[in-house]
Structure formats: C-alpha cells, structure tokens
Amino acid sequence: MTSRTRIGAAAALADLPLWRAVEGRDAIARDFRFKDFAGAFVFMTAVAQEAERLDHHPEWRNVYDRVEVVLTTHSTGGISALDVALARFMDRAAGGP
C-alpha cells in the first residue's frame, strides 16, 4: 500500500479521535481554536511547511483565532495515509498528543 492508497474515513478516524467525518464526502475535518490570530497563523505556517514536505495540501479556512480543516486525497477520491499523517501532525502542532 502506498501513501496515496485510499483507506476511507472510518479507518482514518479510528486513530484520530478529535477528527470527524465530513457528510457526503470521503473526507475528515477538525476545527482548531487558538488564543489569537498570531497563534492560528503560527499553526498554519507549521502545517504549510509540513504539507509542502508531504506534497499534500489541506483545504482550510482561517478566521481570526480559528482554523477549519478538511483533509482528503483528491487523486484517490478519498482518505489516504497522507491525510492521516497530516492530521497527526496538525494535532501535535496544535499542542495535542
């Protein structure tokens, strides 16, 4: 299995308790909240660097202290190991496990 092999949201969520399935898509989502805009921007910068390293980029939206993220692998039409890896990185970057 390669990092771009489709694994599906259910399998991904088994290892990502803070994430949720996106209705109508094979995708996962999480909303992050920070102290302020600067905290959100630091997080997004770290994630952007990791996304470039993985050559795998999130769908996201930022409003002040919030970052809303959706992950899916467009080339496979669903969740892959790349999404799980990026989600784990985001959890750690946000101060989680």
N, C-alpha and C. Protein backbone atom coordinates (compact mmCIF):
# COMPACT_ATOMS: atom_id res chain seq x y z
N MET A 1 0.85 -1.18 0.00
CA MET A 1 0.00 0.00 0.00
C MET A 1 0.89 1.24 0.00
N THR A 2 0.57 2.20 -0.87
CA THR A 2 1.33 3.45 -0.91
C THR A 2 0.63 4.49 -0.05
N SER A 3 1.30 5.61 0.16
CA SER A 3 0.72 6.68 0.98
C SER A 3 -0.51 7.30 0.34
N ARG A 4 -0.70 7.09 -0.97
CA ARG A 4 -1.88 7.63 -1.66
C ARG A 4 -2.96 6.57 -1.91
N THR A 5 -2.82 5.40 -1.31
CA THR A 5 -3.86 4.39 -1.42
C THR A 5 -5.05 4.80 -0.56
N ARG A 6 -6.23 4.71 -1.11
CA ARG A 6 -7.44 5.11 -0.39
C ARG A 6 -7.71 4.16 0.77
N ILE A 7 -7.92 4.72 1.96
CA ILE A 7 -8.22 3.89 3.13
C ILE A 7 -9.60 4.18 3.71
N GLY A 8 -10.18 5.31 3.40
CA GLY A 8 -11.51 5.65 3.87
C GLY A 8 -11.53 6.36 5.21
N ALA A 9 -12.58 7.15 5.41
CA ALA A 9 -12.70 7.96 6.62
C ALA A 9 -12.84 7.11 7.87
N ALA A 10 -13.60 6.03 7.80
CA ALA A 10 -13.82 5.21 9.00
C ALA A 10 -12.51 4.67 9.54
N ALA A 11 -11.65 4.17 8.67
CA ALA A 11 -10.35 3.66 9.10
C ALA A 11 -9.48 4.78 9.66
N ALA A 12 -9.50 5.92 9.02
CA ALA A 12 -8.69 7.06 9.48
C ALA A 12 -9.15 7.53 10.85
N LEU A 13 -10.45 7.61 11.06
CA LEU A 13 -10.99 8.14 12.32
C LEU A 13 -10.72 7.22 13.50
N ALA A 14 -10.45 5.96 13.25
CA ALA A 14 -10.13 5.04 14.35
C ALA A 14 -8.89 5.50 15.10
N ASP A 15 -7.98 6.18 14.41
CA ASP A 15 -6.74 6.66 15.01
C ASP A 15 -6.74 8.16 15.28
N LEU A 16 -7.83 8.84 14.97
CA LEU A 16 -7.88 10.31 15.08
C LEU A 16 -9.13 10.72 15.85
N PRO A 17 -9.13 10.59 17.17
CA PRO A 17 -10.35 10.82 17.94
C PRO A 17 -10.88 12.26 17.91
N LEU A 18 -10.07 13.23 17.59
CA LEU A 18 -10.50 14.63 17.58
C LEU A 18 -11.07 15.07 16.23
N TRP A 19 -11.01 14.19 15.26
CA TRP A 19 -11.47 14.49 13.91
C TRP A 19 -12.86 13.88 13.70
N ARG A 20 -13.56 14.35 12.66
CA ARG A 20 -14.89 13.85 12.36
C ARG A 20 -15.01 13.61 10.85
N ALA A 21 -15.96 12.77 10.48
CA ALA A 21 -16.24 12.53 9.07
C ALA A 21 -16.97 13.74 8.49
N VAL A 22 -16.75 14.00 7.23
CA VAL A 22 -17.45 15.07 6.51
C VAL A 22 -18.63 14.44 5.78
N GLU A 23 -19.80 14.93 6.05
CA GLU A 23 -21.01 14.38 5.44
C GLU A 23 -20.97 14.52 3.92
N GLY A 24 -21.25 13.41 3.24
CA GLY A 24 -21.32 13.43 1.79
C GLY A 24 -20.00 13.32 1.07
N ARG A 25 -18.90 13.18 1.81
CA ARG A 25 -17.57 13.08 1.20
C ARG A 25 -16.75 12.05 1.95
N ASP A 26 -15.77 11.46 1.29
CA ASP A 26 -14.80 10.62 1.98
C ASP A 26 -13.67 11.56 2.41
N ALA A 27 -13.93 12.28 3.49
CA ALA A 27 -13.02 13.30 4.00
C ALA A 27 -13.18 13.39 5.51
N ILE A 28 -12.18 13.95 6.16
CA ILE A 28 -12.23 14.18 7.60
C ILE A 28 -12.01 15.66 7.88
N ALA A 29 -12.51 16.12 9.03
CA ALA A 29 -12.43 17.54 9.34
C ALA A 29 -12.16 17.73 10.83
N ARG A 30 -11.60 18.88 11.12
CA ARG A 30 -11.41 19.30 12.51
C ARG A 30 -11.33 20.81 12.54
N ASP A 31 -11.87 21.40 13.61
CA ASP A 31 -11.78 22.83 13.85
C ASP A 31 -10.79 23.06 14.98
N PHE A 32 -9.83 23.93 14.75
CA PHE A 32 -8.83 24.28 15.75
C PHE A 32 -9.11 25.69 16.24
N ARG A 33 -8.87 25.93 17.51
CA ARG A 33 -9.04 27.27 18.08
C ARG A 33 -7.76 27.63 18.85
N PHE A 34 -7.34 28.87 18.68
CA PHE A 34 -6.10 29.34 19.29
C PHE A 34 -6.37 30.58 20.13
N LYS A 35 -5.36 31.03 20.84
CA LYS A 35 -5.50 32.19 21.72
C LYS A 35 -5.86 33.45 20.92
N ASP A 36 -5.26 33.57 19.74
CA ASP A 36 -5.45 34.76 18.92
C ASP A 36 -5.06 34.46 17.48
N PHE A 37 -5.10 35.47 16.63
CA PHE A 37 -4.75 35.30 15.23
C PHE A 37 -3.30 34.86 15.07
N ALA A 38 -2.40 35.43 15.86
CA ALA A 38 -0.99 35.06 15.75
C ALA A 38 -0.79 33.57 16.02
N GLY A 39 -1.49 33.03 17.02
CA GLY A 39 -1.39 31.60 17.30
C GLY A 39 -1.89 30.75 16.15
N ALA A 40 -2.99 31.17 15.55
CA ALA A 40 -3.53 30.45 14.39
C ALA A 40 -2.56 30.53 13.22
N PHE A 41 -1.93 31.68 13.04
CA PHE A 41 -1.02 31.85 11.92
C PHE A 41 0.25 31.02 12.11
N VAL A 42 0.77 30.94 13.33
CA VAL A 42 1.94 30.10 13.61
C VAL A 42 1.61 28.65 13.27
N PHE A 43 0.43 28.19 13.69
CA PHE A 43 -0.02 26.84 13.38
C PHE A 43 -0.08 26.62 11.87
N MET A 44 -0.71 27.54 11.16
CA MET A 44 -0.86 27.40 9.72
C MET A 44 0.49 27.40 9.01
N THR A 45 1.42 28.18 9.50
CA THR A 45 2.76 28.20 8.91
C THR A 45 3.45 26.86 9.07
N ALA A 46 3.37 26.28 10.27
CA ALA A 46 3.99 24.97 10.51
C ALA A 46 3.34 23.91 9.63
N VAL A 47 2.00 23.95 9.53
CA VAL A 47 1.29 22.97 8.71
C VAL A 47 1.64 23.16 7.23
N ALA A 48 1.74 24.40 6.80
CA ALA A 48 2.09 24.66 5.40
C ALA A 48 3.45 24.06 5.04
N GLN A 49 4.40 24.17 5.94
CA GLN A 49 5.73 23.60 5.69
C GLN A 49 5.67 22.08 5.62
N GLU A 50 4.91 21.46 6.52
CA GLU A 50 4.76 20.01 6.50
C GLU A 50 3.99 19.56 5.25
N ALA A 51 2.97 20.30 4.87
CA ALA A 51 2.20 19.98 3.67
C ALA A 51 3.10 20.01 2.43
N GLU A 52 3.98 20.97 2.35
CA GLU A 52 4.92 21.04 1.23
C GLU A 52 5.86 19.84 1.24
N ARG A 53 6.34 19.48 2.43
CA ARG A 53 7.23 18.32 2.55
C ARG A 53 6.53 17.05 2.08
N LEU A 54 5.26 16.89 2.46
CA LEU A 54 4.49 15.71 2.07
C LEU A 54 3.94 15.80 0.65
N ASP A 55 3.97 16.99 0.06
CA ASP A 55 3.32 17.26 -1.22
C ASP A 55 1.84 16.87 -1.13
N HIS A 56 1.22 17.33 -0.04
CA HIS A 56 -0.18 17.02 0.23
C HIS A 56 -0.76 18.20 1.00
N HIS A 57 -1.78 18.85 0.45
CA HIS A 57 -2.21 20.13 0.97
C HIS A 57 -3.65 20.10 1.47
N PRO A 58 -3.91 20.72 2.62
CA PRO A 58 -5.26 20.71 3.19
C PRO A 58 -6.18 21.72 2.53
N GLU A 59 -7.46 21.48 2.70
CA GLU A 59 -8.47 22.50 2.45
C GLU A 59 -8.65 23.18 3.81
N TRP A 60 -8.50 24.49 3.87
CA TRP A 60 -8.67 25.13 5.17
C TRP A 60 -9.18 26.54 5.05
N ARG A 61 -9.67 27.01 6.18
CA ARG A 61 -10.23 28.36 6.27
C ARG A 61 -9.81 28.92 7.62
N ASN A 62 -9.39 30.17 7.62
CA ASN A 62 -8.96 30.82 8.85
C ASN A 62 -9.76 32.09 9.06
N VAL A 63 -10.32 32.22 10.26
CA VAL A 63 -10.96 33.45 10.70
C VAL A 63 -10.45 33.73 12.10
N TYR A 64 -9.68 34.79 12.22
CA TYR A 64 -9.08 35.23 13.48
C TYR A 64 -8.39 34.09 14.23
N ASP A 65 -9.01 33.54 15.27
CA ASP A 65 -8.35 32.54 16.11
C ASP A 65 -8.75 31.11 15.76
N ARG A 66 -9.49 30.93 14.66
CA ARG A 66 -9.98 29.60 14.28
C ARG A 66 -9.39 29.17 12.94
N VAL A 67 -9.10 27.87 12.85
CA VAL A 67 -8.68 27.27 11.59
C VAL A 67 -9.55 26.03 11.39
N GLU A 68 -10.31 26.02 10.31
CA GLU A 68 -11.17 24.89 9.97
C GLU A 68 -10.48 24.11 8.85
N VAL A 69 -10.30 22.80 9.06
CA VAL A 69 -9.53 21.98 8.14
C VAL A 69 -10.37 20.81 7.62
N VAL A 70 -10.24 20.53 6.34
CA VAL A 70 -10.78 19.32 5.72
C VAL A 70 -9.63 18.64 5.01
N LEU A 71 -9.52 17.32 5.22
CA LEU A 71 -8.47 16.54 4.57
C LEU A 71 -9.09 15.43 3.73
N THR A 72 -8.60 15.29 2.52
CA THR A 72 -8.93 14.20 1.62
C THR A 72 -7.84 14.17 0.56
N THR A 73 -7.68 13.05 -0.10
CA THR A 73 -6.70 12.94 -1.17
C THR A 73 -7.46 12.97 -2.48
N HIS A 74 -7.43 14.10 -3.15
CA HIS A 74 -8.23 14.29 -4.35
C HIS A 74 -7.89 13.29 -5.44
N SER A 75 -6.62 12.92 -5.56
CA SER A 75 -6.22 12.00 -6.63
C SER A 75 -6.80 10.60 -6.45
N THR A 76 -7.18 10.23 -5.22
CA THR A 76 -7.77 8.91 -4.99
C THR A 76 -9.26 9.00 -4.71
N GLY A 77 -9.78 10.20 -4.55
CA GLY A 77 -11.19 10.37 -4.28
C GLY A 77 -11.58 10.06 -2.85
N GLY A 78 -10.63 10.09 -1.94
CA GLY A 78 -10.94 9.81 -0.54
C GLY A 78 -9.73 9.88 0.36
N ILE A 79 -9.91 9.40 1.57
CA ILE A 79 -8.85 9.46 2.59
C ILE A 79 -7.73 8.49 2.28
N SER A 80 -6.50 8.97 2.46
CA SER A 80 -5.31 8.13 2.29
C SER A 80 -4.42 8.29 3.52
N ALA A 81 -3.34 7.53 3.54
CA ALA A 81 -2.37 7.62 4.64
C ALA A 81 -1.78 9.02 4.74
N LEU A 82 -1.72 9.75 3.64
CA LEU A 82 -1.22 11.13 3.69
C LEU A 82 -2.13 12.01 4.56
N ASP A 83 -3.42 11.79 4.47
CA ASP A 83 -4.36 12.57 5.29
C ASP A 83 -4.16 12.26 6.77
N VAL A 84 -3.97 10.99 7.08
CA VAL A 84 -3.75 10.59 8.48
C VAL A 84 -2.45 11.21 8.98
N ALA A 85 -1.40 11.16 8.19
CA ALA A 85 -0.11 11.73 8.60
C ALA A 85 -0.23 13.23 8.83
N LEU A 86 -0.92 13.93 7.93
CA LEU A 86 -1.06 15.38 8.09
C LEU A 86 -1.96 15.71 9.28
N ALA A 87 -3.01 14.93 9.49
CA ALA A 87 -3.89 15.15 10.66
C ALA A 87 -3.10 14.96 11.96
N ARG A 88 -2.30 13.92 12.04
CA ARG A 88 -1.49 13.70 13.25
C ARG A 88 -0.53 14.86 13.47
N PHE A 89 0.09 15.33 12.39
CA PHE A 89 0.99 16.48 12.51
C PHE A 89 0.24 17.69 13.04
N MET A 90 -0.95 17.94 12.49
CA MET A 90 -1.75 19.09 12.94
C MET A 90 -2.12 18.96 14.42
N ASP A 91 -2.49 17.78 14.85
CA ASP A 91 -2.81 17.57 16.26
C ASP A 91 -1.62 17.94 17.15
N ARG A 92 -0.44 17.47 16.75
CA ARG A 92 0.78 17.79 17.53
C ARG A 92 1.10 19.28 17.47
N ALA A 93 0.98 19.88 16.29
CA ALA A 93 1.28 21.32 16.12
C ALA A 93 0.34 22.19 16.92
N ALA A 94 -0.87 21.70 17.15
CA ALA A 94 -1.86 22.46 17.93
C ALA A 94 -1.71 22.21 19.43
N GLY A 95 -0.72 21.40 19.79
CA GLY A 95 -0.47 21.15 21.21
C GLY A 95 -1.11 19.89 21.76
N GLY A 96 -1.59 19.03 20.85
CA GLY A 96 -2.22 17.79 21.29
C GLY A 96 -1.23 16.63 21.27
N PRO A 97 -1.76 15.42 21.46
CA PRO A 97 -0.89 14.22 21.50
C PRO A 97 -0.26 13.90 20.18
